[in-house]
C-alpha atoms as a PDB file:
ATOM      1  CA  UNK A   1      69.982  77.632  32.875  1.00  0.00           C
ATOM      2  CA  UNK A   2      71.236  74.061  33.345  1.00  0.00           C
ATOM      3  CA  UNK A   3      67.633  73.522  33.695  1.00  0.00           C
ATOM      4  CA  UNK A   4      66.906  74.726  30.463  1.00  0.00           C
ATOM      5  CA  UNK A   5      69.613  72.984  28.754  1.00  0.00           C
ATOM      6  CA  UNK A   6      68.468  69.847  29.819  1.00  0.00           C
ATOM      7  CA  UNK A   7      64.666  70.227  28.665  1.00  0.00           C
ATOM      8  CA  UNK A   8      65.729  71.416  25.732  1.00  0.00           C
ATOM      9  CA  UNK A   9      67.648  68.671  25.107  1.00  0.00           C
ATOM     10  CA  UNK A  10      64.343  66.191  26.299  1.00  0.00           C
ATOM     11  CA  UNK A  11      61.394  68.018  24.866  1.00  0.00           C
ATOM     12  CA  UNK A  12      60.775  68.910  21.398  1.00  0.00           C
ATOM     13  CA  UNK A  13      60.195  72.934  20.190  1.00  0.00           C
ATOM     14  CA  UNK A  14      56.581  72.216  20.020  1.00  0.00           C
ATOM     15  CA  UNK A  15      56.330  72.318  23.940  1.00  0.00           C
ATOM     16  CA  UNK A  16      57.860  75.227  24.487  1.00  0.00           C
ATOM     17  CA  UNK A  17      55.658  76.331  21.454  1.00  0.00           C
ATOM     18  CA  UNK A  18      52.606  75.698  23.184  1.00  0.00           C
ATOM     19  CA  UNK A  19      53.188  77.040  26.489  1.00  0.00           C
ATOM     20  CA  UNK A  20      54.624  80.403  24.733  1.00  0.00           C
ATOM     21  CA  UNK A  21      51.031  80.761  23.330  1.00  0.00           C
ATOM     22  CA  UNK A  22      49.967  81.435  26.831  1.00  0.00           C
ATOM     23  CA  UNK A  23      52.635  83.417  27.588  1.00  0.00           C
ATOM     24  CA  UNK A  24      50.675  86.640  26.802  1.00  0.00           C
ATOM     25  CA  UNK A  25      47.614  85.877  29.328  1.00  0.00           C
ATOM     26  CA  UNK A  26      49.911  85.417  31.742  1.00  0.00           C
ATOM     27  CA  UNK A  27      51.672  88.331  31.399  1.00  0.00           C
ATOM     28  CA  UNK A  28      48.668  90.409  31.351  1.00  0.00           C
ATOM     29  CA  UNK A  29      47.644  88.464  34.283  1.00  0.00           C
ATOM     30  CA  UNK A  30      50.524  89.067  36.246  1.00  0.00           C
ATOM     31  CA  UNK A  31      50.504  92.713  35.556  1.00  0.00           C
ATOM     32  CA  UNK A  32      46.825  93.230  36.763  1.00  0.00           C
ATOM     33  CA  UNK A  33      47.228  91.247  39.738  1.00  0.00           C
ATOM     34  CA  UNK A  34      50.273  93.424  40.890  1.00  0.00           C
ATOM     35  CA  UNK A  35      48.975  96.285  39.638  1.00  0.00           C
ATOM     36  CA  UNK A  36      52.065  98.383  40.385  1.00  0.00           C
ATOM     37  CA  UNK A  37      51.625  98.361  44.106  1.00  0.00           C
ATOM     38  CA  UNK A  38      55.137  96.151  44.836  1.00  0.00           C
ATOM     39  CA  UNK A  39      56.937  98.965  43.324  1.00  0.00           C
ATOM     40  CA  UNK A  40      54.293 101.458  45.428  1.00  0.00           C
ATOM     41  CA  UNK A  41      55.417  99.498  48.605  1.00  0.00           C
ATOM     42  CA  UNK A  42      59.073  99.541  48.227  1.00  0.00           C
ATOM     43  CA  UNK A  43      58.981 103.292  46.935  1.00  0.00           C
ATOM     44  CA  UNK A  44      56.763 104.677  50.077  1.00  0.00           C
ATOM     45  CA  UNK A  45      59.352 105.250  52.692  1.00  0.00           C
ATOM     46  CA  UNK A  46      56.592 104.920  56.049  1.00  0.00           C
ATOM     47  CA  UNK A  47      54.520 101.804  54.946  1.00  0.00           C
ATOM     48  CA  UNK A  48      52.506 100.397  57.775  1.00  0.00           C
ATOM     49  CA  UNK A  49      51.087  96.623  57.938  1.00  0.00           C
ATOM     50  CA  UNK A  50      47.872  97.903  57.086  1.00  0.00           C
ATOM     51  CA  UNK A  51      49.368  98.885  53.453  1.00  0.00           C
ATOM     52  CA  UNK A  52      50.874  95.407  53.559  1.00  0.00           C
ATOM     53  CA  UNK A  53      48.079  93.657  54.765  1.00  0.00           C
ATOM     54  CA  UNK A  54      45.852  95.774  51.864  1.00  0.00           C
ATOM     55  CA  UNK A  55      47.885  94.927  48.906  1.00  0.00           C
ATOM     56  CA  UNK A  56      48.459  91.131  50.075  1.00  0.00           C
ATOM     57  CA  UNK A  57      44.087  90.831  49.851  1.00  0.00           C
ATOM     58  CA  UNK A  58      44.277  92.660  46.691  1.00  0.00           C
ATOM     59  CA  UNK A  59      46.800  90.633  44.981  1.00  0.00           C
ATOM     60  CA  UNK A  60      44.992  87.519  46.260  1.00  0.00           C
ATOM     61  CA  UNK A  61      41.693  88.813  45.137  1.00  0.00           C
ATOM     62  CA  UNK A  62      42.827  90.004  42.069  1.00  0.00           C
ATOM     63  CA  UNK A  63      44.522  86.680  41.278  1.00  0.00           C
ATOM     64  CA  UNK A  64      41.514  84.672  42.047  1.00  0.00           C
ATOM     65  CA  UNK A  65      39.687  86.694  39.869  1.00  0.00           C
ATOM     66  CA  UNK A  66      42.472  86.244  36.964  1.00  0.00           C
ATOM     67  CA  UNK A  67      42.641  82.847  37.326  1.00  0.00           C
ATOM     68  CA  UNK A  68      38.804  82.220  36.995  1.00  0.00           C
ATOM     69  CA  UNK A  69      38.539  84.768  33.891  1.00  0.00           C
ATOM     70  CA  UNK A  70      41.589  82.320  32.529  1.00  0.00           C
ATOM     71  CA  UNK A  71      39.492  79.280  33.323  1.00  0.00           C
ATOM     72  CA  UNK A  72      36.454  80.614  31.814  1.00  0.00           C
ATOM     73  CA  UNK A  73      38.308  81.320  28.779  1.00  0.00           C
ATOM     74  CA  UNK A  74      40.098  78.435  28.170  1.00  0.00           C
ATOM     75  CA  UNK A  75      38.208  77.181  25.797  1.00  0.00           C
ATOM     76  CA  UNK A  76      38.361  79.735  23.833  1.00  0.00           C
ATOM     77  CA  UNK A  77      42.161  79.848  24.160  1.00  0.00           C
ATOM     78  CA  UNK A  78      42.336  76.058  23.054  1.00  0.00           C
ATOM     79  CA  UNK A  79      40.176  77.233  20.038  1.00  0.00           C
ATOM     80  CA  UNK A  80      42.013  80.206  18.862  1.00  0.00           C
ATOM     81  CA  UNK A  81      45.375  77.981  18.374  1.00  0.00           C
ATOM     82  CA  UNK A  82      43.331  74.864  17.449  1.00  0.00           C
ATOM     83  CA  UNK A  83      45.133  72.980  20.168  1.00  0.00           C
ATOM     84  CA  UNK A  84      42.681  70.941  22.400  1.00  0.00           C
ATOM     85  CA  UNK A  85      45.638  70.561  25.120  1.00  0.00           C
ATOM     86  CA  UNK A  86      45.607  74.123  25.987  1.00  0.00           C
ATOM     87  CA  UNK A  87      42.259  74.019  27.592  1.00  0.00           C
ATOM     88  CA  UNK A  88      43.480  71.762  30.676  1.00  0.00           C
ATOM     89  CA  UNK A  89      46.777  73.549  30.268  1.00  0.00           C
ATOM     90  CA  UNK A  90      45.230  77.168  31.031  1.00  0.00           C
ATOM     91  CA  UNK A  91      43.372  75.333  34.007  1.00  0.00           C
ATOM     92  CA  UNK A  92      47.021  74.694  35.885  1.00  0.00           C
ATOM     93  CA  UNK A  93      48.507  77.993  34.821  1.00  0.00           C
ATOM     94  CA  UNK A  94      45.597  79.810  36.404  1.00  0.00           C
ATOM     95  CA  UNK A  95      46.150  77.705  39.566  1.00  0.00           C
ATOM     96  CA  UNK A  96      49.899  78.586  39.690  1.00  0.00           C
ATOM     97  CA  UNK A  97      49.041  82.324  39.357  1.00  0.00           C
ATOM     98  CA  UNK A  98      46.663  82.086  42.124  1.00  0.00           C
ATOM     99  CA  UNK A  99      49.267  80.585  44.651  1.00  0.00           C
ATOM    100  CA  UNK A 100      51.864  82.823  43.512  1.00  0.00           C
ATOM    101  CA  UNK A 101      49.946  85.730  44.591  1.00  0.00           C
ATOM    102  CA  UNK A 102      50.219  84.553  48.075  1.00  0.00           C
ATOM    103  CA  UNK A 103      53.784  85.170  48.065  1.00  0.00           C
ATOM    104  CA  UNK A 104      53.899  88.547  46.196  1.00  0.00           C
ATOM    105  CA  UNK A 105      53.960  90.763  49.605  1.00  0.00           C
ATOM    106  CA  UNK A 106      56.553  88.551  50.990  1.00  0.00           C
ATOM    107  CA  UNK A 107      58.898  89.012  48.122  1.00  0.00           C
ATOM    108  CA  UNK A 108      58.329  93.094  48.090  1.00  0.00           C
ATOM    109  CA  UNK A 109      59.179  93.017  51.789  1.00  0.00           C
ATOM    110  CA  UNK A 110      62.427  91.475  51.357  1.00  0.00           C
ATOM    111  CA  UNK A 111      63.521  93.538  48.594  1.00  0.00           C
ATOM    112  CA  UNK A 112      62.489  96.761  50.275  1.00  0.00           C
ATOM    113  CA  UNK A 113      64.455  95.522  53.129  1.00  0.00           C
ATOM    114  CA  UNK A 114      67.405  94.596  50.817  1.00  0.00           C
ATOM    115  CA  UNK A 115      67.171  91.189  52.529  1.00  0.00           C
ATOM    116  CA  UNK A 116      68.740  89.534  49.263  1.00  0.00           C
ATOM    117  CA  UNK A 117      69.900  87.058  50.774  1.00  0.00           C
ATOM    118  CA  UNK A 118      66.804  85.223  51.636  1.00  0.00           C
ATOM    119  CA  UNK A 119      65.504  86.216  48.267  1.00  0.00           C
ATOM    120  CA  UNK A 120      68.437  84.663  46.663  1.00  0.00           C
ATOM    121  CA  UNK A 121      67.750  81.794  48.662  1.00  0.00           C
ATOM    122  CA  UNK A 122      63.977  81.473  48.001  1.00  0.00           C
ATOM    123  CA  UNK A 123      64.769  81.832  44.189  1.00  0.00           C
ATOM    124  CA  UNK A 124      67.491  78.880  44.656  1.00  0.00           C
ATOM    125  CA  UNK A 125      65.295  76.765  46.392  1.00  0.00           C
ATOM    126  CA  UNK A 126      62.414  77.033  44.453  1.00  0.00           C
ATOM    127  CA  UNK A 127      64.237  76.762  40.749  1.00  0.00           C
ATOM    128  CA  UNK A 128      65.928  73.174  42.052  1.00  0.00           C
ATOM    129  CA  UNK A 129      62.711  72.311  43.474  1.00  0.00           C
ATOM    130  CA  UNK A 130      60.654  73.065  40.269  1.00  0.00           C
ATOM    131  CA  UNK A 131      63.516  72.386  37.755  1.00  0.00           C
ATOM    132  CA  UNK A 132      64.012  68.674  38.902  1.00  0.00           C
ATOM    133  CA  UNK A 133      60.580  68.133  38.864  1.00  0.00           C
ATOM    134  CA  UNK A 134      60.443  69.138  35.191  1.00  0.00           C
ATOM    135  CA  UNK A 135      63.125  67.359  34.210  1.00  0.00           C
ATOM    136  CA  UNK A 136      61.750  63.936  36.084  1.00  0.00           C
ATOM    137  CA  UNK A 137      58.186  64.633  34.367  1.00  0.00           C
ATOM    138  CA  UNK A 138      59.807  65.380  30.693  1.00  0.00           C
ATOM    139  CA  UNK A 139      62.484  62.210  30.999  1.00  0.00           C
ATOM    140  CA  UNK A 140      58.940  60.215  31.583  1.00  0.00           C
ATOM    141  CA  UNK A 141      57.356  61.372  28.380  1.00  0.00           C
ATOM    142  CA  UNK A 142      54.949  63.966  29.604  1.00  0.00           C
ATOM    143  CA  UNK A 143      56.087  66.686  27.364  1.00  0.00           C
ATOM    144  CA  UNK A 144      54.428  69.880  27.473  1.00  0.00           C
ATOM    145  CA  UNK A 145      53.353  69.148  30.875  1.00  0.00           C
ATOM    146  CA  UNK A 146      56.342  68.919  32.445  1.00  0.00           C
ATOM    147  CA  UNK A 147      56.626  72.815  31.897  1.00  0.00           C
ATOM    148  CA  UNK A 148      53.644  73.516  33.190  1.00  0.00           C
ATOM    149  CA  UNK A 149      54.250  71.268  36.314  1.00  0.00           C
ATOM    150  CA  UNK A 150      57.504  72.981  36.433  1.00  0.00           C
ATOM    151  CA  UNK A 151      55.490  76.672  36.312  1.00  0.00           C
ATOM    152  CA  UNK A 152      52.953  74.961  39.217  1.00  0.00           C
ATOM    153  CA  UNK A 153      56.036  74.090  41.360  1.00  0.00           C
ATOM    154  CA  UNK A 154      57.949  77.088  41.389  1.00  0.00           C
ATOM    155  CA  UNK A 155      54.649  79.123  42.599  1.00  0.00           C
ATOM    156  CA  UNK A 156      54.159  76.389  45.342  1.00  0.00           C
ATOM    157  CA  UNK A 157      57.408  76.064  46.774  1.00  0.00           C
ATOM    158  CA  UNK A 158      58.321  79.934  46.060  1.00  0.00           C
ATOM    159  CA  UNK A 159      55.233  80.880  48.820  1.00  0.00           C
ATOM    160  CA  UNK A 160      55.942  77.922  50.931  1.00  0.00           C
ATOM    161  CA  UNK A 161      59.717  79.139  51.899  1.00  0.00           C
ATOM    162  CA  UNK A 162      58.755  83.090  51.710  1.00  0.00           C
ATOM    163  CA  UNK A 163      56.185  82.230  54.462  1.00  0.00           C
ATOM    164  CA  UNK A 164      58.840  80.125  56.502  1.00  0.00           C
ATOM    165  CA  UNK A 165      61.619  82.435  55.973  1.00  0.00           C
ATOM    166  CA  UNK A 166      60.012  85.755  56.187  1.00  0.00           C
ATOM    167  CA  UNK A 167      57.929  86.547  59.473  1.00  0.00           C
ATOM    168  CA  UNK A 168      55.631  88.956  58.226  1.00  0.00           C
ATOM    169  CA  UNK A 169      51.762  87.984  58.431  1.00  0.00           C
ATOM    170  CA  UNK A 170      48.976  89.961  57.023  1.00  0.00           C
ATOM    171  CA  UNK A 171      46.464  91.221  59.481  1.00  0.00           C
ATOM    172  CA  UNK A 172      42.559  91.184  58.875  1.00  0.00           C
ATOM    173  CA  UNK A 173      42.367  94.260  57.640  1.00  0.00           C
ATOM    174  CA  UNK A 174      41.756  96.430  54.234  1.00  0.00           C
ATOM    175  CA  UNK A 175      42.068 100.251  53.789  1.00  0.00           C
ATOM    176  CA  UNK A 176      40.491 101.590  50.593  1.00  0.00           C
ATOM    177  CA  UNK A 177      42.533 105.088  51.708  1.00  0.00           C
ATOM    178  CA  UNK A 178      45.833 102.884  51.510  1.00  0.00           C
ATOM    179  CA  UNK A 179      45.082 101.299  48.231  1.00  0.00           C
ATOM    180  CA  UNK A 180      44.135 104.632  46.450  1.00  0.00           C
ATOM    181  CA  UNK A 181      47.459 106.014  47.685  1.00  0.00           C
ATOM    182  CA  UNK A 182      49.553 103.265  46.490  1.00  0.00           C
ATOM    183  CA  UNK A 183      47.967 103.276  43.139  1.00  0.00           C
ATOM    184  CA  UNK A 184      48.718 106.805  42.678  1.00  0.00           C
ATOM    185  CA  UNK A 185      52.205 105.611  42.189  1.00  0.00           C
ATOM    186  CA  UNK A 186      51.300 102.103  40.867  1.00  0.00           C
ATOM    187  CA  UNK A 187      48.946 102.881  38.367  1.00  0.00           C
ATOM    188  CA  UNK A 188      51.311 104.617  36.052  1.00  0.00           C
ATOM    189  CA  UNK A 189      53.595 101.430  36.057  1.00  0.00           C
ATOM    190  CA  UNK A 190      50.647  99.102  35.433  1.00  0.00           C
ATOM    191  CA  UNK A 191      50.220 101.114  32.112  1.00  0.00           C
ATOM    192  CA  UNK A 192      54.078 101.071  31.168  1.00  0.00           C
ATOM    193  CA  UNK A 193      53.977  96.815  32.331  1.00  0.00           C
ATOM    194  CA  UNK A 194      51.057  96.486  29.901  1.00  0.00           C
ATOM    195  CA  UNK A 195      52.630  98.068  27.177  1.00  0.00           C
ATOM    196  CA  UNK A 196      55.911  95.893  27.641  1.00  0.00           C
ATOM    197  CA  UNK A 197      54.290  92.689  27.814  1.00  0.00           C
ATOM    198  CA  UNK A 198      52.218  93.297  24.976  1.00  0.00           C
ATOM    199  CA  UNK A 199      55.250  94.234  22.857  1.00  0.00           C
ATOM    200  CA  UNK A 200      57.386  91.460  24.275  1.00  0.00           C
ATOM    201  CA  UNK A 201      54.542  88.381  23.950  1.00  0.00           C
ATOM    202  CA  UNK A 202      52.292  89.657  21.260  1.00  0.00           C
ATOM    203  CA  UNK A 203      54.796  87.751  18.714  1.00  0.00           C
ATOM    204  CA  UNK A 204      54.134  84.339  20.003  1.00  0.00           C
ATOM    205  CA  UNK A 205      50.602  84.939  19.953  1.00  0.00           C
ATOM    206  CA  UNK A 206      50.647  85.970  16.121  1.00  0.00           C
ATOM    207  CA  UNK A 207      53.199  82.913  15.153  1.00  0.00           C
ATOM    208  CA  UNK A 208      51.011  80.845  16.913  1.00  0.00           C
ATOM    209  CA  UNK A 209      47.817  81.606  15.509  1.00  0.00           C
ATOM    210  CA  UNK A 210      49.581  81.718  11.486  1.00  0.00           C
ATOM    211  CA  UNK A 211      51.939  79.422  11.412  1.00  0.00           C
ATOM    212  CA  UNK A 212      52.950  76.110  13.247  1.00  0.00           C
ATOM    213  CA  UNK A 213      53.508  75.398  16.961  1.00  0.00           C
ATOM    214  CA  UNK A 214      57.092  74.345  16.065  1.00  0.00           C
ATOM    215  CA  UNK A 215      57.549  77.771  14.854  1.00  0.00           C
ATOM    216  CA  UNK A 216      56.563  79.376  18.166  1.00  0.00           C
ATOM    217  CA  UNK A 217      58.618  77.008  19.882  1.00  0.00           C
ATOM    218  CA  UNK A 218      61.745  78.100  18.053  1.00  0.00           C
ATOM    219  CA  UNK A 219      61.240  81.904  18.227  1.00  0.00           C
ATOM    220  CA  UNK A 220      60.236  81.680  21.940  1.00  0.00           C
ATOM    221  CA  UNK A 221      63.894  79.607  22.456  1.00  0.00           C
ATOM    222  CA  UNK A 222      65.761  81.822  20.159  1.00  0.00           C
ATOM    223  CA  UNK A 223      64.310  84.870  22.593  1.00  0.00           C
ATOM    224  CA  UNK A 224      65.145  83.663  25.908  1.00  0.00           C
ATOM    225  CA  UNK A 225      68.589  82.914  24.325  1.00  0.00           C
ATOM    226  CA  UNK A 226      69.010  86.511  23.918  1.00  0.00           C
END
């Protein structure tokens, strides 16, 4: 919260507005990257290393595919909003999504084991590290890049410390049978999550298209303050 307050004092609403324009694309990508498998792993009592490894490689594969699709669509996104800077920003956001997928199973296993202490430690280190970087970048006049830098740093730091503080490592296996079983539960959650992401972020897209970047920034800050 303190980092958000400091950044809000340094940055203009336009900086937050530009990033908010990408929120819908980021949200949809995250839904498909997870595809409900995290919840399925938590819900399933007798999960095996094969199950976890299958989800790990699936998440990373879909994360990479989503990142490539975002990169391919970056020129269209920039043209849609008439904001050329969105092209470069989308590339960085895509990279952060792909990297973040490397830690999704570790996070899920921590929650499944009710190891909220380690989970909180990772979140704290990630927030402090990425927040400090963002404030430094913003104070140097880098504007919207400080917010995207914070996003990328969050993914990198989170993955690093999840791998350091959690002993689980994926096996070199992939089971389609395991994937099908997990999807029976996770598939329904994917649909619900997708509807929620569309409902939450569609307004930012429409405001960005038909109004100004400043208006999107004000709307985004108001939503996040609730």
